[in-house]
Every structure is written in structure tokens, then in C-alpha cells.
Amino acid sequence: MQHQYNVHQLRQIPTEWHRRGMSSPAEIDALVNERLGQPRLATVAPSGPSYADFFRAPTAA
């Protein structure tokens, strides 16, 4: 029997984001925290996020 998930539950599963070629919210939070924690970035004007920050290379399912 296959599980029936609602949208809220699916959003909590990182593989559901990866399946659609995106990073999960937790991975994006970690990326932002990592970038903000680097002192050298504080002196350089940020260039903003790029598509590579949010999208992943497709993988075989």
C-alpha cells in the first residue's frame, strides 16, 4: 500500500524537493547561515543568489 501524503508533509521530505530538481528549505537555510557566518563576505557587497544556489543537477530516481 502506498502512503498518501498531503502537501505540508511532502514539503518536509528533502527527497521530494530533490526529485523536482530543487534544494530543500533546510538546505537553503544552511547555505544562508554558512554564507552569513563567513566574515570575508561582510566586507564585500553580496552579488545575490544564483540559480545554482537553489537548483540541483537531476539524478536518476
PDB file of N, CA and C in Angstrom:
ATOM      1  N   MET A   1       0.837  -1.185   0.000  1.00  0.00           N
ATOM      2  CA  MET A   1       0.000   0.000   0.000  1.00  0.00           C
ATOM      3  C   MET A   1       0.881   1.248   0.000  1.00  0.00           C
ATOM      4  N   GLN A   2       0.560   2.183  -0.858  1.00  0.00           N
ATOM      5  CA  GLN A   2       1.321   3.411  -0.964  1.00  0.00           C
ATOM      6  C   GLN A   2       0.807   4.436   0.046  1.00  0.00           C
ATOM      7  N   HIS A   3       1.743   5.228   0.600  1.00  0.00           N
ATOM      8  CA  HIS A   3       1.357   6.268   1.557  1.00  0.00           C
ATOM      9  C   HIS A   3       0.689   7.426   0.829  1.00  0.00           C
ATOM     10  N   GLN A   4      -0.292   8.007   1.467  1.00  0.00           N
ATOM     11  CA  GLN A   4      -0.937   9.225   0.969  1.00  0.00           C
ATOM     12  C   GLN A   4      -0.444  10.394   1.821  1.00  0.00           C
ATOM     13  N   TYR A   5       0.297  11.307   1.210  1.00  0.00           N
ATOM     14  CA  TYR A   5       0.835  12.462   1.916  1.00  0.00           C
ATOM     15  C   TYR A   5       0.079  13.712   1.479  1.00  0.00           C
ATOM     16  N   ASN A   6      -0.032  14.647   2.400  1.00  0.00           N
ATOM     17  CA  ASN A   6      -0.564  15.941   1.997  1.00  0.00           C
ATOM     18  C   ASN A   6       0.616  16.855   1.656  1.00  0.00           C
ATOM     19  N   VAL A   7       0.334  18.016   1.104  1.00  0.00           N
ATOM     20  CA  VAL A   7       1.385  18.919   0.641  1.00  0.00           C
ATOM     21  C   VAL A   7       2.311  19.321   1.779  1.00  0.00           C
ATOM     22  N   HIS A   8       1.761  19.606   2.947  1.00  0.00           N
ATOM     23  CA  HIS A   8       2.590  20.009   4.090  1.00  0.00           C
ATOM     24  C   HIS A   8       3.593  18.906   4.444  1.00  0.00           C
ATOM     25  N   GLN A   9       3.166  17.667   4.431  1.00  0.00           N
ATOM     26  CA  GLN A   9       4.057  16.553   4.747  1.00  0.00           C
ATOM     27  C   GLN A   9       5.136  16.407   3.676  1.00  0.00           C
ATOM     28  N   LEU A  10       4.772  16.544   2.410  1.00  0.00           N
ATOM     29  CA  LEU A  10       5.742  16.413   1.329  1.00  0.00           C
ATOM     30  C   LEU A  10       6.817  17.489   1.400  1.00  0.00           C
ATOM     31  N   ARG A  11       6.444  18.676   1.846  1.00  0.00           N
ATOM     32  CA  ARG A  11       7.419  19.764   1.957  1.00  0.00           C
ATOM     33  C   ARG A  11       8.480  19.476   3.009  1.00  0.00           C
ATOM     34  N   GLN A  12       8.209  18.585   3.927  1.00  0.00           N
ATOM     35  CA  GLN A  12       9.154  18.248   4.994  1.00  0.00           C
ATOM     36  C   GLN A  12      10.141  17.161   4.574  1.00  0.00           C
ATOM     37  N   ILE A  13       9.952  16.566   3.403  1.00  0.00           N
ATOM     38  CA  ILE A  13      10.786  15.455   2.942  1.00  0.00           C
ATOM     39  C   ILE A  13      11.776  15.981   1.890  1.00  0.00           C
ATOM     40  N   PRO A  14      13.089  16.040   2.233  1.00  0.00           N
ATOM     41  CA  PRO A  14      14.076  16.589   1.293  1.00  0.00           C
ATOM     42  C   PRO A  14      14.080  15.893  -0.065  1.00  0.00           C
ATOM     43  N   THR A  15      13.863  14.584  -0.106  1.00  0.00           N
ATOM     44  CA  THR A  15      13.908  13.887  -1.399  1.00  0.00           C
ATOM     45  C   THR A  15      12.797  14.337  -2.336  1.00  0.00           C
ATOM     46  N   GLU A  16      11.690  14.838  -1.807  1.00  0.00           N
ATOM     47  CA  GLU A  16      10.624  15.362  -2.666  1.00  0.00           C
ATOM     48  C   GLU A  16      11.084  16.638  -3.369  1.00  0.00           C
ATOM     49  N   TRP A  17      11.851  17.474  -2.683  1.00  0.00           N
ATOM     50  CA  TRP A  17      12.426  18.672  -3.304  1.00  0.00           C
ATOM     51  C   TRP A  17      13.460  18.260  -4.340  1.00  0.00           C
ATOM     52  N   HIS A  18      14.331  17.315  -3.978  1.00  0.00           N
ATOM     53  CA  HIS A  18      15.397  16.869  -4.877  1.00  0.00           C
ATOM     54  C   HIS A  18      14.805  16.238  -6.134  1.00  0.00           C
ATOM     55  N   ARG A  19      13.720  15.514  -5.977  1.00  0.00           N
ATOM     56  CA  ARG A  19      13.056  14.862  -7.103  1.00  0.00           C
ATOM     57  C   ARG A  19      12.619  15.883  -8.147  1.00  0.00           C
ATOM     58  N   ARG A  20      12.358  17.086  -7.711  1.00  0.00           N
ATOM     59  CA  ARG A  20      11.920  18.161  -8.612  1.00  0.00           C
ATOM     60  C   ARG A  20      13.062  19.107  -8.981  1.00  0.00           C
ATOM     61  N   GLY A  21      14.284  18.706  -8.634  1.00  0.00           N
ATOM     62  CA  GLY A  21      15.463  19.484  -9.014  1.00  0.00           C
ATOM     63  C   GLY A  21      15.753  20.680  -8.139  1.00  0.00           C
ATOM     64  N   MET A  22      15.203  20.708  -6.918  1.00  0.00           N
ATOM     65  CA  MET A  22      15.402  21.859  -6.028  1.00  0.00           C
ATOM     66  C   MET A  22      16.058  21.425  -4.721  1.00  0.00           C
ATOM     67  N   SER A  23      16.639  22.385  -4.036  1.00  0.00           N
ATOM     68  CA  SER A  23      17.159  22.158  -2.692  1.00  0.00           C
ATOM     69  C   SER A  23      16.023  22.319  -1.693  1.00  0.00           C
ATOM     70  N   SER A  24      16.090  21.565  -0.612  1.00  0.00           N
ATOM     71  CA  SER A  24      15.043  21.664   0.412  1.00  0.00           C
ATOM     72  C   SER A  24      15.212  22.959   1.208  1.00  0.00           C
ATOM     73  N   PRO A  25      14.154  23.418   1.871  1.00  0.00           N
ATOM     74  CA  PRO A  25      14.272  24.628   2.695  1.00  0.00           C
ATOM     75  C   PRO A  25      15.383  24.520   3.746  1.00  0.00           C
ATOM     76  N   ALA A  26      15.567  23.357   4.335  1.00  0.00           N
ATOM     77  CA  ALA A  26      16.627  23.186   5.339  1.00  0.00           C
ATOM     78  C   ALA A  26      18.005  23.368   4.711  1.00  0.00           C
ATOM     79  N   GLU A  27      18.189  22.888   3.484  1.00  0.00           N
ATOM     80  CA  GLU A  27      19.467  23.057   2.797  1.00  0.00           C
ATOM     81  C   GLU A  27      19.711  24.522   2.447  1.00  0.00           C
ATOM     82  N   ILE A  28      18.667  25.232   2.057  1.00  0.00           N
ATOM     83  CA  ILE A  28      18.806  26.657   1.756  1.00  0.00           C
ATOM     84  C   ILE A  28      19.123  27.434   3.026  1.00  0.00           C
ATOM     85  N   ASP A  29      18.466  27.091   4.142  1.00  0.00           N
ATOM     86  CA  ASP A  29      18.775  27.738   5.427  1.00  0.00           C
ATOM     87  C   ASP A  29      20.237  27.522   5.802  1.00  0.00           C
ATOM     88  N   ALA A  30      20.730  26.303   5.608  1.00  0.00           N
ATOM     89  CA  ALA A  30      22.129  26.002   5.935  1.00  0.00           C
ATOM     90  C   ALA A  30      23.067  26.810   5.040  1.00  0.00           C
ATOM     91  N   LEU A  31      22.728  26.946   3.765  1.00  0.00           N
ATOM     92  CA  LEU A  31      23.540  27.718   2.832  1.00  0.00           C
ATOM     93  C   LEU A  31      23.596  29.187   3.247  1.00  0.00           C
ATOM     94  N   VAL A  32      22.451  29.747   3.593  1.00  0.00           N
ATOM     95  CA  VAL A  32      22.395  31.154   4.017  1.00  0.00           C
ATOM     96  C   VAL A  32      23.189  31.352   5.301  1.00  0.00           C
ATOM     97  N   ASN A  33      22.993  30.465   6.277  1.00  0.00           N
ATOM     98  CA  ASN A  33      23.731  30.579   7.539  1.00  0.00           C
ATOM     99  C   ASN A  33      25.230  30.457   7.323  1.00  0.00           C
ATOM    100  N   GLU A  34      25.637  29.558   6.421  1.00  0.00           N
ATOM    101  CA  GLU A  34      27.066  29.395   6.125  1.00  0.00           C
ATOM    102  C   GLU A  34      27.634  30.669   5.508  1.00  0.00           C
ATOM    103  N   ARG A  35      26.898  31.247   4.573  1.00  0.00           N
ATOM    104  CA  ARG A  35      27.386  32.468   3.906  1.00  0.00           C
ATOM    105  C   ARG A  35      27.400  33.661   4.845  1.00  0.00           C
ATOM    106  N   LEU A  36      26.400  33.774   5.694  1.00  0.00           N
ATOM    107  CA  LEU A  36      26.363  34.888   6.631  1.00  0.00           C
ATOM    108  C   LEU A  36      27.416  34.754   7.716  1.00  0.00           C
ATOM    109  N   GLY A  37      27.838  33.546   8.011  1.00  0.00           N
ATOM    110  CA  GLY A  37      28.827  33.308   9.050  1.00  0.00           C
ATOM    111  C   GLY A  37      30.250  33.538   8.598  1.00  0.00           C
ATOM    112  N   GLN A  38      30.457  33.770   7.307  1.00  0.00           N
ATOM    113  CA  GLN A  38      31.810  33.983   6.790  1.00  0.00           C
ATOM    114  C   GLN A  38      32.153  35.467   6.857  1.00  0.00           C
ATOM    115  N   PRO A  39      33.149  35.840   7.669  1.00  0.00           N
ATOM    116  CA  PRO A  39      33.465  37.254   7.852  1.00  0.00           C
ATOM    117  C   PRO A  39      33.904  37.963   6.565  1.00  0.00           C
ATOM    118  N   ARG A  40      34.537  37.265   5.632  1.00  0.00           N
ATOM    119  CA  ARG A  40      35.010  37.929   4.423  1.00  0.00           C
ATOM    120  C   ARG A  40      33.857  38.444   3.572  1.00  0.00           C
ATOM    121  N   LEU A  41      32.674  37.838   3.682  1.00  0.00           N
ATOM    122  CA  LEU A  41      31.530  38.290   2.907  1.00  0.00           C
ATOM    123  C   LEU A  41      30.942  39.589   3.449  1.00  0.00           C
ATOM    124  N   ALA A  42      31.231  39.882   4.708  1.00  0.00           N
ATOM    125  CA  ALA A  42      30.680  41.099   5.310  1.00  0.00           C
ATOM    126  C   ALA A  42      31.306  42.358   4.708  1.00  0.00           C
ATOM    127  N   THR A  43      32.529  42.257   4.172  1.00  0.00           N
ATOM    128  CA  THR A  43      33.208  43.424   3.619  1.00  0.00           C
ATOM    129  C   THR A  43      32.976  43.579   2.122  1.00  0.00           C
ATOM    130  N   VAL A  44      32.410  42.559   1.485  1.00  0.00           N
ATOM    131  CA  VAL A  44      32.168  42.594   0.047  1.00  0.00           C
ATOM    132  C   VAL A  44      30.660  42.680  -0.181  1.00  0.00           C
ATOM    133  N   ALA A  45      30.253  43.529  -1.079  1.00  0.00           N
ATOM    134  CA  ALA A  45      28.825  43.629  -1.388  1.00  0.00           C
ATOM    135  C   ALA A  45      28.343  42.295  -1.972  1.00  0.00           C
ATOM    136  N   PRO A  46      27.265  41.746  -1.445  1.00  0.00           N
ATOM    137  CA  PRO A  46      26.790  40.460  -1.947  1.00  0.00           C
ATOM    138  C   PRO A  46      26.280  40.590  -3.379  1.00  0.00           C
ATOM    139  N   SER A  47      26.546  39.566  -4.166  1.00  0.00           N
ATOM    140  CA  SER A  47      26.098  39.585  -5.552  1.00  0.00           C
ATOM    141  C   SER A  47      24.694  39.024  -5.679  1.00  0.00           C
ATOM    142  N   GLY A  48      24.163  38.491  -4.598  1.00  0.00           N
ATOM    143  CA  GLY A  48      22.824  37.911  -4.630  1.00  0.00           C
ATOM    144  C   GLY A  48      22.888  36.435  -4.963  1.00  0.00           C
ATOM    145  N   PRO A  49      21.793  35.742  -4.757  1.00  0.00           N
ATOM    146  CA  PRO A  49      21.768  34.313  -5.028  1.00  0.00           C
ATOM    147  C   PRO A  49      21.758  34.041  -6.530  1.00  0.00           C
ATOM    148  N   SER A  50      22.234  32.881  -6.882  1.00  0.00           N
ATOM    149  CA  SER A  50      22.176  32.467  -8.279  1.00  0.00           C
ATOM    150  C   SER A  50      21.269  31.242  -8.379  1.00  0.00           C
ATOM    151  N   TYR A  51      20.893  30.877  -9.576  1.00  0.00           N
ATOM    152  CA  TYR A  51      20.055  29.699  -9.750  1.00  0.00           C
ATOM    153  C   TYR A  51      20.737  28.456  -9.185  1.00  0.00           C
ATOM    154  N   ALA A  52      22.047  28.397  -9.246  1.00  0.00           N
ATOM    155  CA  ALA A  52      22.782  27.239  -8.736  1.00  0.00           C
ATOM    156  C   ALA A  52      22.610  27.074  -7.231  1.00  0.00           C
ATOM    157  N   ASP A  53      22.267  28.141  -6.529  1.00  0.00           N
ATOM    158  CA  ASP A  53      22.059  28.041  -5.089  1.00  0.00           C
ATOM    159  C   ASP A  53      20.790  27.243  -4.751  1.00  0.00           C
ATOM    160  N   PHE A  54      19.840  27.212  -5.652  1.00  0.00           N
ATOM    161  CA  PHE A  54      18.551  26.619  -5.352  1.00  0.00           C
ATOM    162  C   PHE A  54      18.232  25.348  -6.134  1.00  0.00           C
ATOM    163  N   PHE A  55      18.817  25.193  -7.302  1.00  0.00           N
ATOM    164  CA  PHE A  55      18.507  24.048  -8.129  1.00  0.00           C
ATOM    165  C   PHE A  55      19.655  23.066  -8.141  1.00  0.00           C
ATOM    166  N   ARG A  56      19.324  21.806  -8.244  1.00  0.00           N
ATOM    167  CA  ARG A  56      20.309  20.733  -8.216  1.00  0.00           C
ATOM    168  C   ARG A  56      20.347  20.070  -9.577  1.00  0.00           C
ATOM    169  N   ALA A  57      21.448  19.370  -9.838  1.00  0.00           N
ATOM    170  CA  ALA A  57      21.538  18.586 -11.075  1.00  0.00           C
ATOM    171  C   ALA A  57      20.587  17.394 -10.965  1.00  0.00           C
ATOM    172  N   PRO A  58      19.894  17.057 -12.025  1.00  0.00           N
ATOM    173  CA  PRO A  58      18.984  15.910 -11.979  1.00  0.00           C
ATOM    174  C   PRO A  58      19.721  14.625 -11.665  1.00  0.00           C
ATOM    175  N   THR A  59      19.097  13.780 -10.875  1.00  0.00           N
ATOM    176  CA  THR A  59      19.675  12.473 -10.558  1.00  0.00           C
ATOM    177  C   THR A  59      18.674  11.402 -10.931  1.00  0.00           C
ATOM    178  N   ALA A  60      19.177  10.224 -11.185  1.00  0.00           N
ATOM    179  CA  ALA A  60      18.293   9.098 -11.532  1.00  0.00           C
ATOM    180  C   ALA A  60      17.510   8.694 -10.295  1.00  0.00           C
ATOM    181  N   ALA A  61      16.231   8.515 -10.450  1.00  0.00           N
ATOM    182  CA  ALA A  61      15.369   8.164  -9.310  1.00  0.00           C
ATOM    183  C   ALA A  61      15.293   6.676  -9.135  1.00  0.00           C
TER     184      ALA A  61
END
